[in-house]
């Protein structure tokens, strides 16, 4: 493992070390904004260094071209809590609620099964609902199979004591409470879940790990988006990711970023050296079958009526070879995510092209591919992809003005809605005028969610917006003007960090809910 370097002495710094290098003399002391990208050798951020491979061995690995972001299902255990009271004369003998008998509980169980079946059909993410179990006491929990297998307990709080909730909470799983008002027989805990449970007979929230937003009244849609958020979070925590050239964090000390990534997201970062990538790529380019496959795939790509070639064809062919290599590396190490450090000065001599188009191709194929190895923002990108099921745009923001700002980068997915390919011009990478980089023409009028991570991993900013223009300025190739509704000055004052993550659709609720579970706040500028 290589120890962390200080910004001033890091030998890996230089204006041509990133996929958008250059921008000289923009910060004090003669340091470029790209030189702010702090690098700690090939095993920064505590990454596991992967051993070398041969192309002959790697080419036998079969990559997955499913064109979908691979996500494990969220496993949900539904638990109906209720009670069966006995009549007593001249005293209160029952609590509020429409479930008072075993027959009531059976009818409610059938209703829940029907609702869960509808939820599964409506879900645009993988979810598995276990059988509904009814419990009246904490002792009943011991008779339920599968509590440990579940990711989430969906508690239908019709009745029963809070001790059942406590016993479930002690198992360390997420919990969503569902209470009925008008969607069926009214539940007891519709009345008392706040004062008796969440606040524990006080004026303040008193249950660590369970918040007011973990309670849903009546609405199946409110359950659905929470499940979507938790499915995204499940698939983000403990992500294995290949970091070609090591990991980094834009303008931040590597050990600080390492601690945040480990503490919050628990990533398994696997460093892959450029020496090994260069060896594999050279061997792949010397393999006639590999080159023929790359050219055939490039032919198919360029035959798309939505694609215009405006760079040398050989750069595109080489991007497909590099994509083949990177796919097989990920599959070999059971990863679906990759990022590259030193994106420009190092990758170009290795691949004989820029990596920009390659990363976009990987994203369109369902992998999670990022340039710059900026682990300040990469985890947020993984989370948003896993929440939405769509590729995300890792981008550079500009200064807000008149309700408009530009976001741009030289790599971008085309399959931004998760299904269809947007039109694209294939140009050179702007700052090197070399290789192949897509100018993706994103959909005008499209609603987007922008997530803006902070350097300290304490509070992100969530900004809803709309795509209003695909300009062609002398900046990074994929460039999008977006509009937003909040005040310009407020946005300027609130923007933390640097890089943004942008995704098609409105996922602010899901982002807020998921991030809160790992101790990161989200301030929504709406």
Protein backbone atom coordinates (compact mmCIF):
# COMPACT_ATOMS: atom_id res chain seq x y z
CA UNK A 1 0.00 0.00 0.00
CA UNK A 2 1.28 3.44 -0.86
CA UNK A 3 0.99 6.10 1.81
CA UNK A 4 -1.04 9.22 1.12
CA UNK A 5 0.68 12.20 -0.47
CA UNK A 6 0.25 15.87 0.25
CA UNK A 7 -1.12 18.08 -2.51
CA UNK A 8 2.10 20.03 -2.90
CA UNK A 9 4.37 16.99 -3.20
CA UNK A 10 2.26 14.40 -4.99
CA UNK A 11 4.28 13.27 -8.04
CA UNK A 12 1.11 12.07 -9.76
CA UNK A 13 -0.23 15.57 -10.25
CA UNK A 14 -0.19 17.32 -13.59
CA UNK A 15 -2.49 19.13 -15.99
CA UNK A 16 -2.75 16.13 -18.30
CA UNK A 17 -3.69 13.56 -15.67
CA UNK A 18 -7.44 13.73 -16.00
CA UNK A 19 -10.00 13.29 -18.75
CA UNK A 20 -10.62 17.02 -18.71
CA UNK A 21 -7.06 18.19 -18.02
CA UNK A 22 -5.84 21.74 -18.58
CA UNK A 23 -7.62 24.83 -17.21
CA UNK A 24 -4.32 26.41 -16.23
CA UNK A 25 -3.96 29.31 -13.76
CA UNK A 26 -7.50 29.10 -12.43
CA UNK A 27 -6.55 28.76 -8.75
CA UNK A 28 -3.96 30.49 -6.57
CA UNK A 29 -0.36 29.34 -6.56
CA UNK A 30 -0.23 28.31 -10.20
CA UNK A 31 -2.12 25.05 -9.54
CA UNK A 32 -4.69 24.00 -12.12
CA UNK A 33 -8.11 22.75 -11.08
CA UNK A 34 -7.14 19.27 -12.30
CA UNK A 35 -3.97 19.36 -10.22
CA UNK A 36 -6.32 19.58 -7.26
CA UNK A 37 -7.17 15.93 -7.94
CA UNK A 38 -5.23 14.27 -5.15
CA UNK A 39 -3.75 10.89 -5.92
CA UNK A 40 -2.18 8.43 -3.52
CA UNK A 41 -0.40 5.99 -5.78
CA UNK A 42 -1.98 2.92 -7.31
CA UNK A 43 -3.59 1.75 -4.09
CA UNK A 44 -5.09 4.93 -2.67
CA UNK A 45 -8.13 4.85 -0.41
CA UNK A 46 -7.08 1.55 1.09
CA UNK A 47 -7.90 -0.32 -2.09
CA UNK A 48 -6.99 -3.96 -2.59
CA UNK A 49 -4.41 -4.20 -5.39
CA UNK A 50 -5.40 -6.81 -7.96
CA UNK A 51 -2.84 -9.19 -9.47
CA UNK A 52 -1.90 -9.21 -13.12
CA UNK A 53 -3.86 -11.16 -15.72
CA UNK A 54 -3.22 -12.42 -19.23
CA UNK A 55 -5.57 -11.63 -22.09
CA UNK A 56 -5.72 -15.30 -23.06
CA UNK A 57 -7.17 -16.07 -19.63
CA UNK A 58 -9.35 -13.00 -19.45
CA UNK A 59 -10.84 -13.39 -22.94
CA UNK A 60 -12.51 -16.60 -21.79
CA UNK A 61 -14.63 -14.61 -19.35
CA UNK A 62 -18.09 -13.97 -20.79
CA UNK A 63 -19.32 -10.41 -20.12
CA UNK A 64 -22.95 -9.69 -19.38
CA UNK A 65 -24.65 -7.51 -22.02
CA UNK A 66 -28.08 -7.36 -20.44
CA UNK A 67 -28.38 -3.56 -20.94
CA UNK A 68 -29.78 -3.27 -17.42
CA UNK A 69 -28.16 -2.17 -14.22
CA UNK A 70 -27.83 -5.38 -12.23
CA UNK A 71 -29.53 -5.14 -8.85
CA UNK A 72 -30.25 -7.73 -6.19
CA UNK A 73 -33.85 -7.80 -4.99
CA UNK A 74 -34.86 -6.08 -1.79
CA UNK A 75 -36.19 -8.85 0.47
CA UNK A 76 -39.21 -7.63 2.45
CA UNK A 77 -40.82 -9.43 5.38
CA UNK A 78 -44.42 -8.26 5.99
CA UNK A 79 -45.50 -8.53 9.64
CA UNK A 80 -49.07 -7.85 10.79
CA UNK A 81 -49.26 -6.90 14.45
CA UNK A 82 -52.68 -7.18 16.06
CA UNK A 83 -54.47 -8.29 19.23
CA UNK A 84 -57.55 -10.32 20.07
CA UNK A 85 -59.13 -8.76 23.19
CA UNK A 86 -61.66 -10.41 25.50
CA UNK A 87 -64.78 -8.59 26.62
CA UNK A 88 -64.86 -7.49 30.26
CA UNK A 89 -67.87 -5.94 31.91
CA UNK A 90 -67.98 -2.31 33.03
CA UNK A 91 -64.40 -1.47 31.94
CA UNK A 92 -62.41 -0.67 28.80
CA UNK A 93 -61.42 -3.95 27.22
CA UNK A 94 -60.34 -3.09 23.70
CA UNK A 95 -58.10 -0.56 21.95
CA UNK A 96 -58.88 1.43 18.84
CA UNK A 97 -58.90 -0.45 15.59
CA UNK A 98 -60.86 -2.60 13.18
CA UNK A 99 -58.99 -5.85 13.85
CA UNK A 100 -60.48 -7.44 16.99
CA UNK A 101 -60.76 -11.15 16.08
CA UNK A 102 -58.76 -13.85 14.33
CA UNK A 103 -61.24 -13.66 11.47
CA UNK A 104 -60.49 -9.95 11.14
CA UNK A 105 -56.78 -10.75 11.04
CA UNK A 106 -57.27 -13.38 8.34
CA UNK A 107 -59.20 -10.97 6.14
CA UNK A 108 -56.53 -8.33 6.69
CA UNK A 109 -53.78 -10.81 5.79
CA UNK A 110 -55.55 -11.55 2.51
CA UNK A 111 -55.86 -7.80 1.83
CA UNK A 112 -52.14 -7.32 2.48
CA UNK A 113 -51.22 -10.18 0.14
CA UNK A 114 -53.28 -8.63 -2.62
CA UNK A 115 -51.68 -5.20 -2.10
CA UNK A 116 -48.17 -6.67 -2.09
CA UNK A 117 -48.84 -8.51 -5.33
CA UNK A 118 -49.88 -5.20 -6.90
CA UNK A 119 -46.77 -3.50 -5.52
CA UNK A 120 -44.52 -6.16 -7.01
CA UNK A 121 -46.17 -5.68 -10.40
CA UNK A 122 -45.78 -1.91 -10.19
CA UNK A 123 -42.16 -1.97 -9.00
CA UNK A 124 -39.50 -0.84 -11.48
CA UNK A 125 -36.85 -2.42 -9.26
CA UNK A 126 -36.32 -5.99 -8.00
CA UNK A 127 -38.25 -6.81 -4.84
CA UNK A 128 -39.17 -10.06 -3.10
CA UNK A 129 -42.04 -10.19 -0.63
CA UNK A 130 -41.90 -13.01 1.90
CA UNK A 131 -45.13 -14.51 3.30
CA UNK A 132 -47.18 -12.31 5.63
CA UNK A 133 -46.86 -13.30 9.29
CA UNK A 134 -49.28 -12.27 12.00
CA UNK A 135 -48.07 -11.68 15.55
CA UNK A 136 -49.82 -10.66 18.75
CA UNK A 137 -46.86 -10.77 21.16
CA UNK A 138 -43.06 -10.66 21.07
CA UNK A 139 -43.04 -14.40 21.73
CA UNK A 140 -44.79 -14.93 18.41
CA UNK A 141 -41.74 -13.56 16.60
CA UNK A 142 -39.81 -16.67 17.58
CA UNK A 143 -42.20 -18.74 15.46
CA UNK A 144 -41.46 -16.79 12.25
CA UNK A 145 -39.00 -18.19 9.72
CA UNK A 146 -36.85 -15.89 7.61
CA UNK A 147 -36.60 -12.81 9.81
CA UNK A 148 -32.83 -12.84 9.45
CA UNK A 149 -32.99 -13.18 5.64
CA UNK A 150 -35.08 -10.06 5.18
CA UNK A 151 -33.58 -6.68 4.37
CA UNK A 152 -36.66 -4.85 5.60
CA UNK A 153 -39.60 -5.42 7.91
CA UNK A 154 -42.83 -3.95 6.57
CA UNK A 155 -44.89 -3.72 9.75
CA UNK A 156 -48.67 -3.46 9.41
CA UNK A 157 -49.31 -1.91 12.80
CA UNK A 158 -52.98 -2.79 13.37
CA UNK A 159 -52.54 -3.37 17.09
CA UNK A 160 -50.33 -5.05 19.67
CA UNK A 161 -47.70 -3.56 21.94
CA UNK A 162 -44.62 -1.55 21.06
CA UNK A 163 -42.46 -4.33 22.47
CA UNK A 164 -42.96 -6.15 19.16
CA UNK A 165 -41.53 -3.14 17.33
CA UNK A 166 -38.57 -2.99 19.71
CA UNK A 167 -37.81 -6.67 19.23
CA UNK A 168 -37.81 -6.25 15.45
CA UNK A 169 -35.72 -3.10 15.63
CA UNK A 170 -33.08 -4.88 17.71
CA UNK A 171 -32.42 -7.18 14.76
CA UNK A 172 -30.77 -4.29 12.93
CA UNK A 173 -33.01 -4.25 9.87
CA UNK A 174 -34.78 -1.31 8.28
CA UNK A 175 -38.45 -0.96 9.23
CA UNK A 176 -41.37 0.74 7.51
CA UNK A 177 -44.61 1.06 9.47
CA UNK A 178 -47.89 1.01 7.58
CA UNK A 179 -51.10 2.22 9.26
CA UNK A 180 -54.59 2.34 7.82
CA UNK A 181 -56.95 5.25 8.01
CA UNK A 182 -59.31 4.83 5.04
CA UNK A 183 -57.71 2.03 3.01
CA UNK A 184 -59.25 -0.69 5.17
CA UNK A 185 -60.03 -1.30 8.85
CA UNK A 186 -58.49 1.55 10.84
CA UNK A 187 -55.33 0.65 12.78
CA UNK A 188 -54.60 1.38 16.43
CA UNK A 189 -51.15 2.78 15.67
CA UNK A 190 -52.62 5.33 13.26
CA UNK A 191 -53.41 7.15 16.50
CA UNK A 192 -50.42 6.49 18.73
CA UNK A 193 -47.30 5.66 16.70
CA UNK A 194 -45.87 9.14 17.15
CA UNK A 195 -46.46 9.83 20.89
CA UNK A 196 -46.13 6.28 22.20
CA UNK A 197 -43.41 4.86 19.95
CA UNK A 198 -41.41 7.41 17.94
CA UNK A 199 -41.36 9.96 20.80
CA UNK A 200 -41.59 7.53 23.74
CA UNK A 201 -44.05 9.72 25.66
CA UNK A 202 -41.83 12.80 25.22
CA UNK A 203 -41.79 15.78 22.88
CA UNK A 204 -38.68 14.65 21.00
CA UNK A 205 -37.88 11.86 18.56
CA UNK A 206 -36.50 8.97 20.61
CA UNK A 207 -35.90 5.93 18.35
CA UNK A 208 -32.45 5.93 16.70
CA UNK A 209 -32.62 4.51 13.20
CA UNK A 210 -36.39 4.88 12.80
CA UNK A 211 -37.76 8.28 11.83
CA UNK A 212 -41.04 9.97 11.16
CA UNK A 213 -40.55 9.29 7.45
CA UNK A 214 -40.61 5.55 8.17
CA UNK A 215 -44.38 5.75 8.74
CA UNK A 216 -46.86 5.46 5.86
CA UNK A 217 -50.60 6.02 6.12
CA UNK A 218 -52.83 4.27 3.56
CA UNK A 219 -50.78 4.98 0.42
CA UNK A 220 -49.27 2.11 -1.56
CA UNK A 221 -47.30 4.61 -3.65
CA UNK A 222 -45.66 5.91 -0.48
CA UNK A 223 -44.55 2.37 0.32
CA UNK A 224 -43.29 1.86 -3.23
CA UNK A 225 -40.88 4.78 -3.43
CA UNK A 226 -39.42 3.92 -0.03
CA UNK A 227 -38.81 0.36 -1.20
CA UNK A 228 -37.16 1.75 -4.34
CA UNK A 229 -34.84 3.85 -2.18
CA UNK A 230 -33.92 0.93 0.07
CA UNK A 231 -33.34 -1.36 -2.90
CA UNK A 232 -30.94 1.24 -4.28
CA UNK A 233 -29.16 1.53 -0.95
CA UNK A 234 -28.86 -2.24 -0.52
CA UNK A 235 -27.20 -2.52 -3.91
CA UNK A 236 -24.85 0.39 -3.20
CA UNK A 237 -23.48 -0.61 0.19
CA UNK A 238 -20.39 -2.85 -0.09
CA UNK A 239 -20.08 -2.17 -3.83
CA UNK A 240 -17.05 -3.74 -5.44
CA UNK A 241 -15.43 -1.29 -7.86
CA UNK A 242 -12.32 -1.49 -10.03
CA UNK A 243 -10.16 1.64 -9.73
CA UNK A 244 -7.77 1.72 -12.68
CA UNK A 245 -4.73 3.72 -11.64
CA UNK A 246 -5.95 3.82 -8.04
CA UNK A 247 -8.61 5.84 -6.30
CA UNK A 248 -8.64 9.56 -5.54
CA UNK A 249 -10.84 12.38 -4.33
CA UNK A 250 -11.11 15.76 -6.01
CA UNK A 251 -9.18 18.35 -3.94
CA UNK A 252 -9.32 16.17 -0.82
CA UNK A 253 -6.69 14.25 1.17
CA UNK A 254 -6.92 10.60 0.21
CA UNK A 255 -7.10 9.32 3.78
CA UNK A 256 -10.03 11.64 4.56
CA UNK A 257 -11.99 10.45 1.53
CA UNK A 258 -11.09 6.85 2.38
CA UNK A 259 -12.58 7.18 5.84
CA UNK A 260 -15.82 8.70 4.54
CA UNK A 261 -16.23 6.09 1.80
CA UNK A 262 -15.54 3.25 4.22
CA UNK A 263 -17.74 4.63 6.99
CA UNK A 264 -20.72 5.62 4.89
CA UNK A 265 -20.74 3.33 1.87
CA UNK A 266 -18.41 0.47 2.84
CA UNK A 267 -17.06 0.18 -0.71
CA UNK A 268 -14.66 -2.57 -1.72
CA UNK A 269 -12.22 -0.62 -3.91
CA UNK A 270 -9.93 -2.82 -6.01
CA UNK A 271 -6.96 -1.01 -7.53
CA UNK A 272 -5.84 -2.13 -10.99
CA UNK A 273 -2.54 -0.81 -12.27
CA UNK A 274 -2.00 0.91 -15.58
CA UNK A 275 0.90 -1.46 -16.22
CA UNK A 276 -1.52 -4.38 -16.12
CA UNK A 277 -4.16 -2.54 -18.14
CA UNK A 278 -1.55 -1.61 -20.75
CA UNK A 279 -0.37 -5.21 -21.00
CA UNK A 280 -3.92 -6.53 -21.39
CA UNK A 281 -4.87 -3.87 -23.92
CA UNK A 282 -1.76 -4.49 -26.03
CA UNK A 283 -2.46 -8.22 -26.02
CA UNK A 284 -6.11 -7.60 -26.91
CA UNK A 285 -5.13 -5.32 -29.81
CA UNK A 286 -2.83 -8.05 -31.09
CA UNK A 287 -5.61 -10.64 -30.95
CA UNK A 288 -7.26 -10.82 -34.38
CA UNK A 289 -10.57 -12.16 -33.00
CA UNK A 290 -10.78 -9.39 -30.42
CA UNK A 291 -10.01 -6.68 -32.98
CA UNK A 292 -12.51 -8.14 -35.46
CA UNK A 293 -15.19 -8.25 -32.75
CA UNK A 294 -14.44 -4.64 -31.81
CA UNK A 295 -14.67 -3.46 -35.43
CA UNK A 296 -17.92 -5.33 -35.94
CA UNK A 297 -19.43 -3.77 -32.85
CA UNK A 298 -18.16 -0.34 -33.90
CA UNK A 299 -19.80 -0.87 -37.31
CA UNK A 300 -23.12 -1.59 -35.63
CA UNK A 301 -22.74 1.38 -33.31
CA UNK A 302 -21.91 3.83 -36.08
CA UNK A 303 -24.70 2.52 -38.33
CA UNK A 304 -27.22 3.94 -35.85
CA UNK A 305 -28.95 6.86 -37.58
CA UNK A 306 -28.64 8.82 -34.34
CA UNK A 307 -24.83 8.63 -34.35
CA UNK A 308 -22.52 10.95 -36.32
CA UNK A 309 -18.78 10.21 -36.56
CA UNK A 310 -16.60 13.32 -36.37
CA UNK A 311 -13.25 11.80 -35.35
CA UNK A 312 -10.98 9.09 -36.73
CA UNK A 313 -12.66 5.72 -37.05
CA UNK A 314 -9.64 3.95 -35.51
CA UNK A 315 -10.27 5.80 -32.23
CA UNK A 316 -13.75 4.30 -32.07
CA UNK A 317 -12.47 0.80 -32.84
CA UNK A 318 -9.92 1.13 -30.05
CA UNK A 319 -12.63 2.29 -27.64
CA UNK A 320 -14.49 -0.96 -28.29
CA UNK A 321 -11.32 -2.97 -27.63
CA UNK A 322 -10.81 -1.08 -24.36
CA UNK A 323 -14.45 -1.64 -23.45
CA UNK A 324 -13.99 -5.38 -24.04
CA UNK A 325 -10.96 -5.41 -21.74
CA UNK A 326 -12.68 -3.45 -18.98
CA UNK A 327 -15.84 -5.56 -19.10
CA UNK A 328 -13.84 -8.73 -18.67
CA UNK A 329 -11.81 -7.29 -15.81
CA UNK A 330 -15.03 -6.42 -13.99
CA UNK A 331 -16.58 -9.81 -14.66
CA UNK A 332 -13.37 -11.57 -13.59
CA UNK A 333 -13.52 -9.86 -10.20
CA UNK A 334 -17.32 -10.00 -9.87
CA UNK A 335 -17.71 -6.21 -10.12
CA UNK A 336 -20.23 -4.12 -12.02
CA UNK A 337 -18.47 -0.79 -11.46
CA UNK A 338 -15.24 0.77 -12.70
CA UNK A 339 -13.49 4.13 -12.57
CA UNK A 340 -10.25 5.37 -14.08
CA UNK A 341 -7.68 7.72 -12.57
CA UNK A 342 -5.25 9.84 -14.63
CA UNK A 343 -7.93 9.70 -17.32
CA UNK A 344 -6.05 11.54 -20.01
CA UNK A 345 -2.26 11.49 -19.79
CA UNK A 346 -2.01 7.82 -18.86
CA UNK A 347 -4.96 6.10 -20.53
CA UNK A 348 -4.34 7.52 -24.01
CA UNK A 349 -0.89 5.96 -24.63
CA UNK A 350 -2.23 2.67 -23.23
CA UNK A 351 -5.43 2.48 -25.29
CA UNK A 352 -4.49 4.56 -28.37
CA UNK A 353 -7.69 6.52 -27.80
CA UNK A 354 -9.47 8.43 -25.06
CA UNK A 355 -11.55 6.43 -22.59
CA UNK A 356 -14.54 8.79 -22.90
CA UNK A 357 -16.59 6.77 -25.38
CA UNK A 358 -15.60 3.52 -23.66
CA UNK A 359 -17.02 4.65 -20.34
CA UNK A 360 -20.24 5.71 -22.02
CA UNK A 361 -20.51 2.32 -23.74
CA UNK A 362 -20.04 0.55 -20.42
CA UNK A 363 -22.74 2.69 -18.79
CA UNK A 364 -25.12 1.95 -21.66
CA UNK A 365 -24.44 -1.77 -21.19
CA UNK A 366 -25.57 -1.68 -17.56
CA UNK A 367 -22.21 -1.23 -15.86
CA UNK A 368 -21.41 1.75 -13.62
CA UNK A 369 -18.49 3.56 -15.24
CA UNK A 370 -16.92 6.82 -14.07
CA UNK A 371 -13.87 8.83 -15.01
CA UNK A 372 -11.46 10.64 -12.67
CA UNK A 373 -11.76 8.15 -9.78
CA UNK A 374 -13.31 10.93 -7.72
CA UNK A 375 -14.58 9.02 -4.71
CA UNK A 376 -16.12 12.16 -3.31
CA UNK A 377 -18.88 11.72 -5.89
CA UNK A 378 -18.60 8.17 -7.31
CA UNK A 379 -20.56 6.63 -4.38
CA UNK A 380 -23.42 9.06 -5.01
CA UNK A 381 -23.37 8.04 -8.67
CA UNK A 382 -23.58 4.37 -7.75
CA UNK A 383 -26.46 5.09 -5.37
CA UNK A 384 -28.46 7.09 -7.92
CA UNK A 385 -27.97 4.42 -10.60
CA UNK A 386 -29.16 1.75 -8.19
CA UNK A 387 -32.17 3.79 -7.10
CA UNK A 388 -33.26 4.74 -10.61
CA UNK A 389 -32.12 1.69 -12.57
CA UNK A 390 -30.68 4.14 -15.12
CA UNK A 391 -27.18 5.28 -16.09
CA UNK A 392 -26.07 8.55 -14.51
CA UNK A 393 -24.18 11.54 -15.88
CA UNK A 394 -21.02 12.35 -13.88
CA UNK A 395 -20.48 16.01 -14.73
CA UNK A 396 -18.83 19.35 -14.07
CA UNK A 397 -21.14 22.19 -13.00
CA UNK A 398 -20.83 25.87 -13.83
CA UNK A 399 -21.98 29.03 -12.06
CA UNK A 400 -25.75 29.56 -11.86
CA UNK A 401 -27.32 32.60 -13.53
CA UNK A 402 -30.81 33.58 -14.71
CA UNK A 403 -32.20 30.21 -13.71
CA UNK A 404 -29.76 28.39 -16.03
CA UNK A 405 -26.47 26.56 -15.63
CA UNK A 406 -24.37 24.28 -17.82
CA UNK A 407 -23.31 20.78 -16.81
CA UNK A 408 -20.78 18.99 -18.98
CA UNK A 409 -18.29 16.17 -19.36
CA UNK A 410 -16.52 14.35 -22.18
CA UNK A 411 -18.07 11.03 -21.22
CA UNK A 412 -21.79 10.41 -20.92
CA UNK A 413 -24.24 7.54 -21.35
CA UNK A 414 -26.67 7.58 -24.25
CA UNK A 415 -29.18 5.24 -22.58
CA UNK A 416 -30.14 7.92 -20.05
CA UNK A 417 -33.72 6.71 -19.60
CA UNK A 418 -32.49 3.15 -19.08
CA UNK A 419 -33.98 1.95 -22.37
CA UNK A 420 -33.52 4.21 -25.39
CA UNK A 421 -30.31 5.58 -26.90
CA UNK A 422 -30.10 9.35 -27.28
CA UNK A 423 -28.50 10.82 -30.44
CA UNK A 424 -24.78 11.49 -30.23
CA UNK A 425 -21.95 13.07 -32.17
CA UNK A 426 -18.66 11.20 -31.73
CA UNK A 427 -15.91 13.80 -31.48
CA UNK A 428 -12.46 13.99 -29.96
CA UNK A 429 -11.98 14.52 -26.25
CA UNK A 430 -12.08 18.31 -26.10
CA UNK A 431 -9.00 19.28 -24.13
CA UNK A 432 -6.64 16.87 -25.89
CA UNK A 433 -8.41 16.92 -29.28
CA UNK A 434 -7.68 13.19 -29.40
CA UNK A 435 -9.59 9.95 -29.26
CA UNK A 436 -13.35 9.45 -29.25
CA UNK A 437 -15.81 11.21 -26.96
CA UNK A 438 -19.61 11.36 -27.25
CA UNK A 439 -21.59 14.57 -27.42
CA UNK A 440 -24.88 13.14 -26.21
CA UNK A 441 -27.92 15.18 -27.20
CA UNK A 442 -30.06 14.82 -24.10
CA UNK A 443 -33.83 15.07 -24.27
CA UNK A 444 -35.13 18.65 -24.22
CA UNK A 445 -37.75 19.15 -21.52
CA UNK A 446 -36.63 16.08 -19.57
CA UNK A 447 -37.04 16.30 -15.78
CA UNK A 448 -33.77 15.52 -14.01
CA UNK A 449 -32.44 15.05 -10.52
CA UNK A 450 -29.06 16.59 -9.69
CA UNK A 451 -27.22 15.30 -6.63
CA UNK A 452 -24.38 17.51 -5.41
CA UNK A 453 -22.13 15.72 -2.89
CA UNK A 454 -20.15 17.65 -0.30
CA UNK A 455 -16.51 16.94 0.50
CA UNK A 456 -17.32 16.03 4.11
CA UNK A 457 -20.07 13.46 3.33
CA UNK A 458 -22.39 15.24 5.76
CA UNK A 459 -25.02 16.98 3.62
CA UNK A 460 -25.60 16.68 -0.09
CA UNK A 461 -27.70 19.11 -2.12
CA UNK A 462 -30.58 17.85 -4.24
CA UNK A 463 -31.60 20.07 -7.15
CA UNK A 464 -34.52 19.22 -9.44
CA UNK A 465 -34.26 20.62 -12.94
CA UNK A 466 -35.13 20.36 -16.61
CA UNK A 467 -32.98 20.04 -19.73
CA UNK A 468 -33.46 23.11 -21.92
CA UNK A 469 -30.60 23.04 -24.45
CA UNK A 470 -27.72 20.99 -25.86
CA UNK A 471 -25.24 23.74 -26.78
CA UNK A 472 -21.91 23.29 -28.58
CA UNK A 473 -19.41 25.47 -26.75
CA UNK A 474 -15.64 24.88 -26.58
CA UNK A 475 -15.96 22.88 -23.36
CA UNK A 476 -16.37 19.19 -22.50
CA UNK A 477 -18.25 17.48 -25.32
CA UNK A 478 -21.53 16.44 -23.68
CA UNK A 479 -22.89 19.77 -22.51
CA UNK A 480 -26.37 20.46 -21.27
CA UNK A 481 -28.03 23.67 -20.17
CA UNK A 482 -30.47 22.99 -17.37
CA UNK A 483 -33.09 25.17 -15.73
CA UNK A 484 -34.12 25.14 -12.07
CA UNK A 485 -36.62 26.98 -9.92
CA UNK A 486 -34.65 28.10 -6.88
CA UNK A 487 -32.89 31.46 -6.56
CA UNK A 488 -29.53 31.77 -8.37
CA UNK A 489 -27.71 33.20 -5.37
CA UNK A 490 -29.14 30.56 -3.07
CA UNK A 491 -27.86 27.83 -5.37
CA UNK A 492 -24.46 29.48 -5.68
CA UNK A 493 -24.17 29.75 -1.90
CA UNK A 494 -25.38 26.22 -1.24
CA UNK A 495 -23.36 24.28 -3.85
CA UNK A 496 -20.77 22.11 -2.06
CA UNK A 497 -17.98 19.91 -3.46
CA UNK A 498 -17.37 19.95 -7.19
CA UNK A 499 -18.65 17.13 -9.43
CA UNK A 500 -22.38 16.45 -9.78
CA UNK A 501 -24.45 13.36 -10.53
CA UNK A 502 -27.40 13.86 -12.88
CA UNK A 503 -30.10 11.30 -13.67
CA UNK A 504 -33.28 11.35 -15.73
CA UNK A 505 -36.43 11.52 -13.57
CA UNK A 506 -37.41 12.80 -10.14
CA UNK A 507 -35.69 10.84 -7.37
CA UNK A 508 -35.31 13.46 -4.65
CA UNK A 509 -37.55 11.61 -2.18
CA UNK A 510 -35.70 8.35 -2.67
CA UNK A 511 -32.31 10.07 -2.43
CA UNK A 512 -33.22 11.82 0.81
CA UNK A 513 -34.61 8.65 2.37
CA UNK A 514 -31.65 6.44 1.39
CA UNK A 515 -28.95 8.93 2.35
CA UNK A 516 -30.51 9.49 5.75
CA UNK A 517 -30.04 5.79 6.48
CA UNK A 518 -26.25 6.18 6.19
CA UNK A 519 -26.00 9.46 8.06
CA UNK A 520 -25.88 11.87 5.12
CA UNK A 521 -28.41 14.69 4.91
CA UNK A 522 -29.97 16.02 1.73
CA UNK A 523 -31.05 19.62 1.41
CA UNK A 524 -33.53 19.99 -1.44
CA UNK A 525 -33.44 23.28 -3.35
CA UNK A 526 -36.90 23.43 -4.87
